[in-house]
């Protein structure tokens, strides 16, 4: 593995040089989500994000796009709330759109049977509950046979943070500088933010080039007047970013490029220091 040398010269996003250009929420883990203009943010991240997941009733494990050999392409499914969820309120219903275009509601009768028939396994739609959870849900991940990955051509398991359906942290952030750098390294690839399923896309200024958010790790980020995030670590990528998604084609070169040039990392994880409302266009500054 190699680390790309073209990082930003210093760990900073200057006032006016960074702003939120994308906000995404994913009501059901591994399904396509919804792009937002604004969202409340709490200690659990964007309100309503990854609050639901498909669970295999035979194993108790969370199903998803990280193991496409078993589950197919979860990106053929889409999930969106029927109305914006609010902090400290009961979550509204989620509209699930199946690969054939059929629309279902998360609270409708016989939902489990319909999803089970579609996926070819007995499943249920589960909701994350953070109180009284002693351990996290377990999921599986397939690792392609690719140089630079920790495992190759095998399936591993990992445990999610207790009471959640997040992989590691509650917020995932990526910069346009990183996407631009990946495009330059692999021009044949279709690099778009939605491939990487971030919550927040930050447009960086022309002086910020390369994998700039690598330098943010350990720092706090201010977004707008209220939200403060602690950047905790890099976001290690997996087979998910190679899968077809809408008009984006399947492409193993997407993951290979990240492995060859940035230790398989694209973007960073963050915890919430202070919540509030985040909006497209909000300035982003680094403490």
C-alpha atoms as a PDB file:
ATOM      1  CA  UNK A   1       0.000   0.000   0.000  1.00  0.00           C
ATOM      2  CA  UNK A   2       1.124   3.536  -0.652  1.00  0.00           C
ATOM      3  CA  UNK A   3       0.048   6.858   0.782  1.00  0.00           C
ATOM      4  CA  UNK A   4      -0.493   9.586  -1.765  1.00  0.00           C
ATOM      5  CA  UNK A   5       1.941  12.460  -1.195  1.00  0.00           C
ATOM      6  CA  UNK A   6      -0.411  15.191  -2.392  1.00  0.00           C
ATOM      7  CA  UNK A   7      -2.002  16.173   0.905  1.00  0.00           C
ATOM      8  CA  UNK A   8      -2.882  19.676   1.930  1.00  0.00           C
ATOM      9  CA  UNK A   9       0.128  21.619   3.254  1.00  0.00           C
ATOM     10  CA  UNK A  10      -1.491  22.204   6.647  1.00  0.00           C
ATOM     11  CA  UNK A  11      -4.483  20.760   8.536  1.00  0.00           C
ATOM     12  CA  UNK A  12      -6.899  23.608   7.935  1.00  0.00           C
ATOM     13  CA  UNK A  13      -9.909  24.659   5.931  1.00  0.00           C
ATOM     14  CA  UNK A  14      -9.891  28.418   5.764  1.00  0.00           C
ATOM     15  CA  UNK A  15     -13.025  30.456   6.428  1.00  0.00           C
ATOM     16  CA  UNK A  16     -14.877  30.819   3.152  1.00  0.00           C
ATOM     17  CA  UNK A  17     -12.770  28.091   1.547  1.00  0.00           C
ATOM     18  CA  UNK A  18     -14.836  25.174   2.746  1.00  0.00           C
ATOM     19  CA  UNK A  19     -18.592  24.666   2.672  1.00  0.00           C
ATOM     20  CA  UNK A  20     -21.200  21.935   2.799  1.00  0.00           C
ATOM     21  CA  UNK A  21     -22.226  20.974  -0.729  1.00  0.00           C
ATOM     22  CA  UNK A  22     -23.868  17.638   0.032  1.00  0.00           C
ATOM     23  CA  UNK A  23     -25.938  16.142   2.860  1.00  0.00           C
ATOM     24  CA  UNK A  24     -27.109  12.559   2.862  1.00  0.00           C
ATOM     25  CA  UNK A  25     -29.173  10.394   5.183  1.00  0.00           C
ATOM     26  CA  UNK A  26     -29.626   6.623   4.838  1.00  0.00           C
ATOM     27  CA  UNK A  27     -32.739   5.476   6.748  1.00  0.00           C
ATOM     28  CA  UNK A  28     -32.026   1.779   6.121  1.00  0.00           C
ATOM     29  CA  UNK A  29     -28.464   0.542   6.352  1.00  0.00           C
ATOM     30  CA  UNK A  30     -26.944  -0.362   2.959  1.00  0.00           C
ATOM     31  CA  UNK A  31     -29.897   0.892   0.919  1.00  0.00           C
ATOM     32  CA  UNK A  32     -29.748   4.057  -1.151  1.00  0.00           C
ATOM     33  CA  UNK A  33     -30.787   7.051   0.904  1.00  0.00           C
ATOM     34  CA  UNK A  34     -31.969  10.611   0.470  1.00  0.00           C
ATOM     35  CA  UNK A  35     -30.123  13.826  -0.324  1.00  0.00           C
ATOM     36  CA  UNK A  36     -31.059  16.688   1.985  1.00  0.00           C
ATOM     37  CA  UNK A  37     -30.949  20.460   2.102  1.00  0.00           C
ATOM     38  CA  UNK A  38     -30.776  20.486   5.913  1.00  0.00           C
ATOM     39  CA  UNK A  39     -30.784  18.106   8.852  1.00  0.00           C
ATOM     40  CA  UNK A  40     -30.781  18.132  12.612  1.00  0.00           C
ATOM     41  CA  UNK A  41     -27.674  16.604  14.125  1.00  0.00           C
ATOM     42  CA  UNK A  42     -27.522  14.944  17.557  1.00  0.00           C
ATOM     43  CA  UNK A  43     -24.960  12.774  19.314  1.00  0.00           C
ATOM     44  CA  UNK A  44     -26.203   9.952  17.051  1.00  0.00           C
ATOM     45  CA  UNK A  45     -25.397  11.877  13.889  1.00  0.00           C
ATOM     46  CA  UNK A  46     -27.949  13.101  11.352  1.00  0.00           C
ATOM     47  CA  UNK A  47     -31.381  12.438  12.815  1.00  0.00           C
ATOM     48  CA  UNK A  48     -32.823   9.262  11.320  1.00  0.00           C
ATOM     49  CA  UNK A  49     -29.582   8.071   9.743  1.00  0.00           C
ATOM     50  CA  UNK A  50     -29.214   4.288   9.650  1.00  0.00           C
ATOM     51  CA  UNK A  51     -31.986   3.786  12.162  1.00  0.00           C
ATOM     52  CA  UNK A  52     -33.185   0.641  10.395  1.00  0.00           C
ATOM     53  CA  UNK A  53     -31.541  -2.459   8.967  1.00  0.00           C
ATOM     54  CA  UNK A  54     -32.485  -5.728   7.327  1.00  0.00           C
ATOM     55  CA  UNK A  55     -31.691  -8.619   9.664  1.00  0.00           C
ATOM     56  CA  UNK A  56     -31.337 -12.283   8.698  1.00  0.00           C
ATOM     57  CA  UNK A  57     -33.681 -14.125  11.063  1.00  0.00           C
ATOM     58  CA  UNK A  58     -31.688 -17.374  10.793  1.00  0.00           C
ATOM     59  CA  UNK A  59     -28.385 -15.858  11.942  1.00  0.00           C
ATOM     60  CA  UNK A  60     -29.364 -12.577  13.588  1.00  0.00           C
ATOM     61  CA  UNK A  61     -26.790 -10.797  11.427  1.00  0.00           C
ATOM     62  CA  UNK A  62     -27.382  -7.537   9.630  1.00  0.00           C
ATOM     63  CA  UNK A  63     -27.712  -7.930   5.868  1.00  0.00           C
ATOM     64  CA  UNK A  64     -26.171  -5.487   3.464  1.00  0.00           C
ATOM     65  CA  UNK A  65     -24.037  -4.451   0.537  1.00  0.00           C
ATOM     66  CA  UNK A  66     -20.780  -5.424   2.237  1.00  0.00           C
ATOM     67  CA  UNK A  67     -21.513  -9.064   1.333  1.00  0.00           C
ATOM     68  CA  UNK A  68     -22.983  -8.902  -2.186  1.00  0.00           C
ATOM     69  CA  UNK A  69     -22.278 -12.572  -2.906  1.00  0.00           C
ATOM     70  CA  UNK A  70     -24.884 -13.434  -0.276  1.00  0.00           C
ATOM     71  CA  UNK A  71     -27.341 -10.573  -0.582  1.00  0.00           C
ATOM     72  CA  UNK A  72     -27.021  -9.232  -4.107  1.00  0.00           C
ATOM     73  CA  UNK A  73     -26.848  -5.489  -4.663  1.00  0.00           C
ATOM     74  CA  UNK A  74     -28.551  -3.620  -1.839  1.00  0.00           C
ATOM     75  CA  UNK A  75     -28.125  -0.460  -3.881  1.00  0.00           C
ATOM     76  CA  UNK A  76     -31.079  -1.655  -5.956  1.00  0.00           C
ATOM     77  CA  UNK A  77     -33.213  -0.726  -2.923  1.00  0.00           C
ATOM     78  CA  UNK A  78     -34.018   2.820  -1.851  1.00  0.00           C
ATOM     79  CA  UNK A  79     -35.286   4.162   1.466  1.00  0.00           C
ATOM     80  CA  UNK A  80     -36.654   7.590   2.416  1.00  0.00           C
ATOM     81  CA  UNK A  81     -38.711   8.941   5.292  1.00  0.00           C
ATOM     82  CA  UNK A  82     -42.242  10.030   4.403  1.00  0.00           C
ATOM     83  CA  UNK A  83     -41.569  13.259   6.322  1.00  0.00           C
ATOM     84  CA  UNK A  84     -38.415  14.694   7.903  1.00  0.00           C
ATOM     85  CA  UNK A  85     -37.616  13.004  11.226  1.00  0.00           C
ATOM     86  CA  UNK A  86     -37.246  15.256  14.266  1.00  0.00           C
ATOM     87  CA  UNK A  87     -34.981  14.849  17.267  1.00  0.00           C
ATOM     88  CA  UNK A  88     -36.693  13.504  20.405  1.00  0.00           C
ATOM     89  CA  UNK A  89     -39.768  12.513  18.386  1.00  0.00           C
ATOM     90  CA  UNK A  90     -41.066   9.202  17.122  1.00  0.00           C
ATOM     91  CA  UNK A  91     -39.561   8.401  13.760  1.00  0.00           C
ATOM     92  CA  UNK A  92     -41.935   8.716  10.797  1.00  0.00           C
ATOM     93  CA  UNK A  93     -42.504   5.771   8.510  1.00  0.00           C
ATOM     94  CA  UNK A  94     -39.941   4.864   5.864  1.00  0.00           C
ATOM     95  CA  UNK A  95     -40.890   4.293   2.234  1.00  0.00           C
ATOM     96  CA  UNK A  96     -38.935   1.355   0.791  1.00  0.00           C
ATOM     97  CA  UNK A  97     -38.641   1.062  -2.975  1.00  0.00           C
ATOM     98  CA  UNK A  98     -37.767  -2.432  -4.207  1.00  0.00           C
ATOM     99  CA  UNK A  99     -35.674  -3.204  -7.302  1.00  0.00           C
ATOM    100  CA  UNK A 100     -38.823  -3.726  -9.380  1.00  0.00           C
ATOM    101  CA  UNK A 101     -40.199  -0.330  -8.357  1.00  0.00           C
ATOM    102  CA  UNK A 102     -42.687  -1.639  -5.782  1.00  0.00           C
ATOM    103  CA  UNK A 103     -43.116   0.820  -2.903  1.00  0.00           C
ATOM    104  CA  UNK A 104     -43.625  -0.459   0.634  1.00  0.00           C
ATOM    105  CA  UNK A 105     -44.076   1.257   3.979  1.00  0.00           C
ATOM    106  CA  UNK A 106     -42.024   0.281   7.013  1.00  0.00           C
ATOM    107  CA  UNK A 107     -45.164   0.000   9.152  1.00  0.00           C
ATOM    108  CA  UNK A 108     -47.329  -1.970   6.739  1.00  0.00           C
ATOM    109  CA  UNK A 109     -48.501  -5.525   7.456  1.00  0.00           C
ATOM    110  CA  UNK A 110     -46.585  -8.462   5.965  1.00  0.00           C
ATOM    111  CA  UNK A 111     -43.520  -6.322   5.239  1.00  0.00           C
ATOM    112  CA  UNK A 112     -41.161  -9.074   6.410  1.00  0.00           C
ATOM    113  CA  UNK A 113     -42.723 -11.623   4.073  1.00  0.00           C
ATOM    114  CA  UNK A 114     -42.404  -9.332   1.062  1.00  0.00           C
ATOM    115  CA  UNK A 115     -38.785  -8.457   1.841  1.00  0.00           C
ATOM    116  CA  UNK A 116     -37.965 -12.118   2.454  1.00  0.00           C
ATOM    117  CA  UNK A 117     -39.370 -13.125  -0.918  1.00  0.00           C
ATOM    118  CA  UNK A 118     -37.432 -10.342  -2.644  1.00  0.00           C
ATOM    119  CA  UNK A 119     -34.119 -11.196  -0.968  1.00  0.00           C
ATOM    120  CA  UNK A 120     -34.532 -14.981  -1.020  1.00  0.00           C
ATOM    121  CA  UNK A 121     -33.967 -15.336   2.748  1.00  0.00           C
ATOM    122  CA  UNK A 122     -36.101 -14.912   5.830  1.00  0.00           C
ATOM    123  CA  UNK A 123     -35.534 -11.353   7.027  1.00  0.00           C
ATOM    124  CA  UNK A 124     -37.098  -8.635   9.149  1.00  0.00           C
ATOM    125  CA  UNK A 125     -36.760  -4.857   9.191  1.00  0.00           C
ATOM    126  CA  UNK A 126     -35.248  -3.969  12.576  1.00  0.00           C
ATOM    127  CA  UNK A 127     -34.975  -0.595  14.287  1.00  0.00           C
ATOM    128  CA  UNK A 128     -31.892   0.441  16.253  1.00  0.00           C
ATOM    129  CA  UNK A 129     -32.544   1.138  19.923  1.00  0.00           C
ATOM    130  CA  UNK A 130     -29.768   2.653  21.979  1.00  0.00           C
ATOM    131  CA  UNK A 131     -31.129   1.996  25.455  1.00  0.00           C
ATOM    132  CA  UNK A 132     -30.429  -1.319  27.177  1.00  0.00           C
ATOM    133  CA  UNK A 133     -28.255  -2.696  24.382  1.00  0.00           C
ATOM    134  CA  UNK A 134     -25.378  -4.635  25.905  1.00  0.00           C
ATOM    135  CA  UNK A 135     -23.660  -5.397  22.619  1.00  0.00           C
ATOM    136  CA  UNK A 136     -23.761  -4.378  19.006  1.00  0.00           C
ATOM    137  CA  UNK A 137     -25.316  -6.079  16.010  1.00  0.00           C
ATOM    138  CA  UNK A 138     -23.062  -8.288  13.907  1.00  0.00           C
ATOM    139  CA  UNK A 139     -22.607  -8.076  10.150  1.00  0.00           C
ATOM    140  CA  UNK A 140     -20.533  -9.774   7.449  1.00  0.00           C
ATOM    141  CA  UNK A 141     -18.108  -8.301   4.958  1.00  0.00           C
ATOM    142  CA  UNK A 142     -16.685  -9.813   1.785  1.00  0.00           C
ATOM    143  CA  UNK A 143     -13.118  -8.843   0.882  1.00  0.00           C
ATOM    144  CA  UNK A 144     -12.244  -9.064  -2.829  1.00  0.00           C
ATOM    145  CA  UNK A 145      -9.006 -10.694  -3.882  1.00  0.00           C
ATOM    146  CA  UNK A 146      -7.152  -7.413  -4.237  1.00  0.00           C
ATOM    147  CA  UNK A 147      -3.674  -6.323  -3.254  1.00  0.00           C
ATOM    148  CA  UNK A 148      -3.633  -3.833  -0.399  1.00  0.00           C
ATOM    149  CA  UNK A 149      -6.625  -5.201   1.517  1.00  0.00           C
ATOM    150  CA  UNK A 150      -6.322  -6.632   5.034  1.00  0.00           C
ATOM    151  CA  UNK A 151      -8.078  -9.825   3.890  1.00  0.00           C
ATOM    152  CA  UNK A 152      -8.452 -11.283   0.418  1.00  0.00           C
ATOM    153  CA  UNK A 153     -11.279 -13.369  -1.074  1.00  0.00           C
ATOM    154  CA  UNK A 154     -12.822 -14.116   2.286  1.00  0.00           C
ATOM    155  CA  UNK A 155     -15.744 -13.098   4.503  1.00  0.00           C
ATOM    156  CA  UNK A 156     -15.201 -11.621   7.942  1.00  0.00           C
ATOM    157  CA  UNK A 157     -17.545 -10.456  10.691  1.00  0.00           C
ATOM    158  CA  UNK A 158     -17.559  -7.281  12.747  1.00  0.00           C
ATOM    159  CA  UNK A 159     -19.651  -5.851  15.560  1.00  0.00           C
ATOM    160  CA  UNK A 160     -21.338  -2.477  15.289  1.00  0.00           C
ATOM    161  CA  UNK A 161     -21.399   0.018  18.163  1.00  0.00           C
ATOM    162  CA  UNK A 162     -24.012  -1.079  20.701  1.00  0.00           C
ATOM    163  CA  UNK A 163     -27.538   0.029  19.941  1.00  0.00           C
ATOM    164  CA  UNK A 164     -26.734   1.266  16.425  1.00  0.00           C
ATOM    165  CA  UNK A 165     -26.428   0.165  12.810  1.00  0.00           C
ATOM    166  CA  UNK A 166     -23.327   2.292  12.180  1.00  0.00           C
ATOM    167  CA  UNK A 167     -20.116   0.605  11.087  1.00  0.00           C
ATOM    168  CA  UNK A 168     -17.853   2.639  13.385  1.00  0.00           C
ATOM    169  CA  UNK A 169     -18.840   6.283  13.944  1.00  0.00           C
ATOM    170  CA  UNK A 170     -22.048   8.248  13.575  1.00  0.00           C
ATOM    171  CA  UNK A 171     -20.875  10.709  10.890  1.00  0.00           C
ATOM    172  CA  UNK A 172     -18.942  10.151   7.679  1.00  0.00           C
ATOM    173  CA  UNK A 173     -17.421  13.152   5.900  1.00  0.00           C
ATOM    174  CA  UNK A 174     -15.624  13.477   2.568  1.00  0.00           C
ATOM    175  CA  UNK A 175     -14.131  16.425   0.666  1.00  0.00           C
ATOM    176  CA  UNK A 176     -14.317  17.330  -2.989  1.00  0.00           C
ATOM    177  CA  UNK A 177     -10.504  17.496  -2.968  1.00  0.00           C
ATOM    178  CA  UNK A 178     -10.325  13.774  -2.256  1.00  0.00           C
ATOM    179  CA  UNK A 179     -12.802  12.951  -5.017  1.00  0.00           C
ATOM    180  CA  UNK A 180     -10.858  15.125  -7.446  1.00  0.00           C
ATOM    181  CA  UNK A 181      -7.603  13.417  -6.486  1.00  0.00           C
ATOM    182  CA  UNK A 182      -9.083   9.978  -7.077  1.00  0.00           C
ATOM    183  CA  UNK A 183     -10.351  11.087 -10.488  1.00  0.00           C
ATOM    184  CA  UNK A 184      -6.864  12.268 -11.417  1.00  0.00           C
ATOM    185  CA  UNK A 185      -5.334   8.973 -10.310  1.00  0.00           C
ATOM    186  CA  UNK A 186      -7.868   6.820 -12.175  1.00  0.00           C
ATOM    187  CA  UNK A 187      -9.494   8.879 -14.972  1.00  0.00           C
ATOM    188  CA  UNK A 188     -11.414   5.874 -16.287  1.00  0.00           C
ATOM    189  CA  UNK A 189     -13.389   5.607 -13.038  1.00  0.00           C
ATOM    190  CA  UNK A 190     -16.679   7.331 -12.207  1.00  0.00           C
ATOM    191  CA  UNK A 191     -15.849   8.988  -8.900  1.00  0.00           C
ATOM    192  CA  UNK A 192     -18.866  10.646  -7.349  1.00  0.00           C
ATOM    193  CA  UNK A 193     -19.627  11.336  -3.698  1.00  0.00           C
ATOM    194  CA  UNK A 194     -22.632   9.000  -3.690  1.00  0.00           C
ATOM    195  CA  UNK A 195     -20.359   5.997  -4.329  1.00  0.00           C
ATOM    196  CA  UNK A 196     -18.871   6.537  -0.867  1.00  0.00           C
ATOM    197  CA  UNK A 197     -22.145   7.101   1.010  1.00  0.00           C
ATOM    198  CA  UNK A 198     -21.028  10.099   3.080  1.00  0.00           C
ATOM    199  CA  UNK A 199     -23.270  12.115   5.343  1.00  0.00           C
ATOM    200  CA  UNK A 200     -21.470  15.375   4.599  1.00  0.00           C
ATOM    201  CA  UNK A 201     -19.640  16.470   1.455  1.00  0.00           C
ATOM    202  CA  UNK A 202     -17.346  19.455   1.956  1.00  0.00           C
ATOM    203  CA  UNK A 203     -16.235  21.577  -0.998  1.00  0.00           C
ATOM    204  CA  UNK A 204     -12.673  22.661  -0.376  1.00  0.00           C
ATOM    205  CA  UNK A 205     -10.901  25.670  -1.874  1.00  0.00           C
ATOM    206  CA  UNK A 206      -8.403  25.549  -4.748  1.00  0.00           C
ATOM    207  CA  UNK A 207      -5.467  25.597  -2.320  1.00  0.00           C
ATOM    208  CA  UNK A 208      -6.653  22.369  -0.694  1.00  0.00           C
ATOM    209  CA  UNK A 209      -5.604  19.425  -2.836  1.00  0.00           C
ATOM    210  CA  UNK A 210      -5.150  15.711  -2.329  1.00  0.00           C
ATOM    211  CA  UNK A 211      -6.570  13.640   0.503  1.00  0.00           C
ATOM    212  CA  UNK A 212      -6.882  16.694   2.702  1.00  0.00           C
ATOM    213  CA  UNK A 213      -9.164  15.229   5.378  1.00  0.00           C
ATOM    214  CA  UNK A 214      -6.397  12.822   6.387  1.00  0.00           C
ATOM    215  CA  UNK A 215      -4.828  15.844   8.082  1.00  0.00           C
ATOM    216  CA  UNK A 216      -8.055  16.641   9.944  1.00  0.00           C
ATOM    217  CA  UNK A 217      -7.909  13.526  12.120  1.00  0.00           C
ATOM    218  CA  UNK A 218      -7.668  14.523  15.765  1.00  0.00           C
ATOM    219  CA  UNK A 219      -9.089  17.994  15.088  1.00  0.00           C
ATOM    220  CA  UNK A 220     -12.522  19.509  15.602  1.00  0.00           C
ATOM    221  CA  UNK A 221     -14.606  20.780  12.688  1.00  0.00           C
ATOM    222  CA  UNK A 222     -17.166  23.574  12.993  1.00  0.00           C
ATOM    223  CA  UNK A 223     -20.079  23.500  10.539  1.00  0.00           C
ATOM    224  CA  UNK A 224     -22.255  26.591  10.509  1.00  0.00           C
ATOM    225  CA  UNK A 225     -23.089  28.260  13.809  1.00  0.00           C
ATOM    226  CA  UNK A 226     -23.984  25.187  15.835  1.00  0.00           C
ATOM    227  CA  UNK A 227     -22.574  21.836  14.801  1.00  0.00           C
ATOM    228  CA  UNK A 228     -19.158  20.719  15.979  1.00  0.00           C
ATOM    229  CA  UNK A 229     -17.581  17.406  15.023  1.00  0.00           C
ATOM    230  CA  UNK A 230     -14.501  15.590  16.283  1.00  0.00           C
ATOM    231  CA  UNK A 231     -12.684  13.871  13.417  1.00  0.00           C
ATOM    232  CA  UNK A 232     -11.774  10.472  14.844  1.00  0.00           C
ATOM    233  CA  UNK A 233     -10.144   8.473  12.065  1.00  0.00           C
ATOM    234  CA  UNK A 234      -9.990   7.481   8.414  1.00  0.00           C
ATOM    235  CA  UNK A 235     -12.832   5.691   6.668  1.00  0.00           C
ATOM    236  CA  UNK A 236     -11.482   2.386   5.383  1.00  0.00           C
ATOM    237  CA  UNK A 237     -13.308   1.278   2.247  1.00  0.00           C
ATOM    238  CA  UNK A 238     -14.671  -2.073   1.130  1.00  0.00           C
ATOM    239  CA  UNK A 239     -16.336  -3.811  -1.786  1.00  0.00           C
ATOM    240  CA  UNK A 240     -19.389  -1.525  -1.501  1.00  0.00           C
ATOM    241  CA  UNK A 241     -17.734   1.306  -3.418  1.00  0.00           C
ATOM    242  CA  UNK A 242     -17.175  -0.979  -6.422  1.00  0.00           C
ATOM    243  CA  UNK A 243     -20.846  -1.922  -6.827  1.00  0.00           C
ATOM    244  CA  UNK A 244     -23.167  -0.449  -9.466  1.00  0.00           C
ATOM    245  CA  UNK A 245     -25.362   2.311  -8.081  1.00  0.00           C
ATOM    246  CA  UNK A 246     -27.955   3.888 -10.314  1.00  0.00           C
ATOM    247  CA  UNK A 247     -26.074   4.931 -13.447  1.00  0.00           C
ATOM    248  CA  UNK A 248     -22.672   4.299 -11.837  1.00  0.00           C
ATOM    249  CA  UNK A 249     -21.137   1.083 -13.213  1.00  0.00           C
ATOM    250  CA  UNK A 250     -19.495  -1.701 -11.266  1.00  0.00           C
ATOM    251  CA  UNK A 251     -15.798  -0.942 -11.085  1.00  0.00           C
ATOM    252  CA  UNK A 252     -13.177  -2.712  -8.971  1.00  0.00           C
ATOM    253  CA  UNK A 253     -10.729   0.034  -9.965  1.00  0.00           C
ATOM    254  CA  UNK A 254     -12.456   2.411  -7.542  1.00  0.00           C
ATOM    255  CA  UNK A 255     -11.354   0.334  -4.545  1.00  0.00           C
ATOM    256  CA  UNK A 256      -7.999  -0.541  -6.090  1.00  0.00           C
ATOM    257  CA  UNK A 257      -7.154   3.144  -6.500  1.00  0.00           C
ATOM    258  CA  UNK A 258      -7.912   3.847  -2.835  1.00  0.00           C
ATOM    259  CA  UNK A 259      -5.801   0.843  -1.827  1.00  0.00           C
ATOM    260  CA  UNK A 260      -2.826   1.847  -3.965  1.00  0.00           C
ATOM    261  CA  UNK A 261      -2.750   5.528  -3.066  1.00  0.00           C
ATOM    262  CA  UNK A 262      -4.363   6.088   0.340  1.00  0.00           C
ATOM    263  CA  UNK A 263      -4.207   2.855   2.357  1.00  0.00           C
ATOM    264  CA  UNK A 264      -7.774   1.959   1.264  1.00  0.00           C
ATOM    265  CA  UNK A 265      -9.121   5.104   2.961  1.00  0.00           C
ATOM    266  CA  UNK A 266     -11.564   7.595   1.461  1.00  0.00           C
ATOM    267  CA  UNK A 267     -13.012  10.229   3.788  1.00  0.00           C
ATOM    268  CA  UNK A 268     -13.067  10.334   7.582  1.00  0.00           C
ATOM    269  CA  UNK A 269     -15.286   9.398  10.510  1.00  0.00           C
ATOM    270  CA  UNK A 270     -16.456  11.848  13.147  1.00  0.00           C
ATOM    271  CA  UNK A 271     -18.229  12.023  16.495  1.00  0.00           C
ATOM    272  CA  UNK A 272     -20.600  14.837  17.405  1.00  0.00           C
ATOM    273  CA  UNK A 273     -19.304  17.325  19.985  1.00  0.00           C
ATOM    274  CA  UNK A 274     -22.231  19.740  19.643  1.00  0.00           C
ATOM    275  CA  UNK A 275     -25.476  19.182  17.787  1.00  0.00           C
ATOM    276  CA  UNK A 276     -27.772  21.553  15.980  1.00  0.00           C
ATOM    277  CA  UNK A 277     -28.907  22.102  12.417  1.00  0.00           C
ATOM    278  CA  UNK A 278     -26.634  21.680   9.438  1.00  0.00           C
ATOM    279  CA  UNK A 279     -27.484  23.107   6.006  1.00  0.00           C
ATOM    280  CA  UNK A 280     -26.109  23.011   2.520  1.00  0.00           C
ATOM    281  CA  UNK A 281     -23.929  26.049   2.085  1.00  0.00           C
ATOM    282  CA  UNK A 282     -22.805  26.180   5.723  1.00  0.00           C
ATOM    283  CA  UNK A 283     -19.152  27.191   6.130  1.00  0.00           C
ATOM    284  CA  UNK A 284     -16.743  24.558   7.405  1.00  0.00           C
ATOM    285  CA  UNK A 285     -13.738  25.496   9.507  1.00  0.00           C
ATOM    286  CA  UNK A 286     -11.153  23.390  11.302  1.00  0.00           C
ATOM    287  CA  UNK A 287     -10.066  24.098  14.849  1.00  0.00           C
END
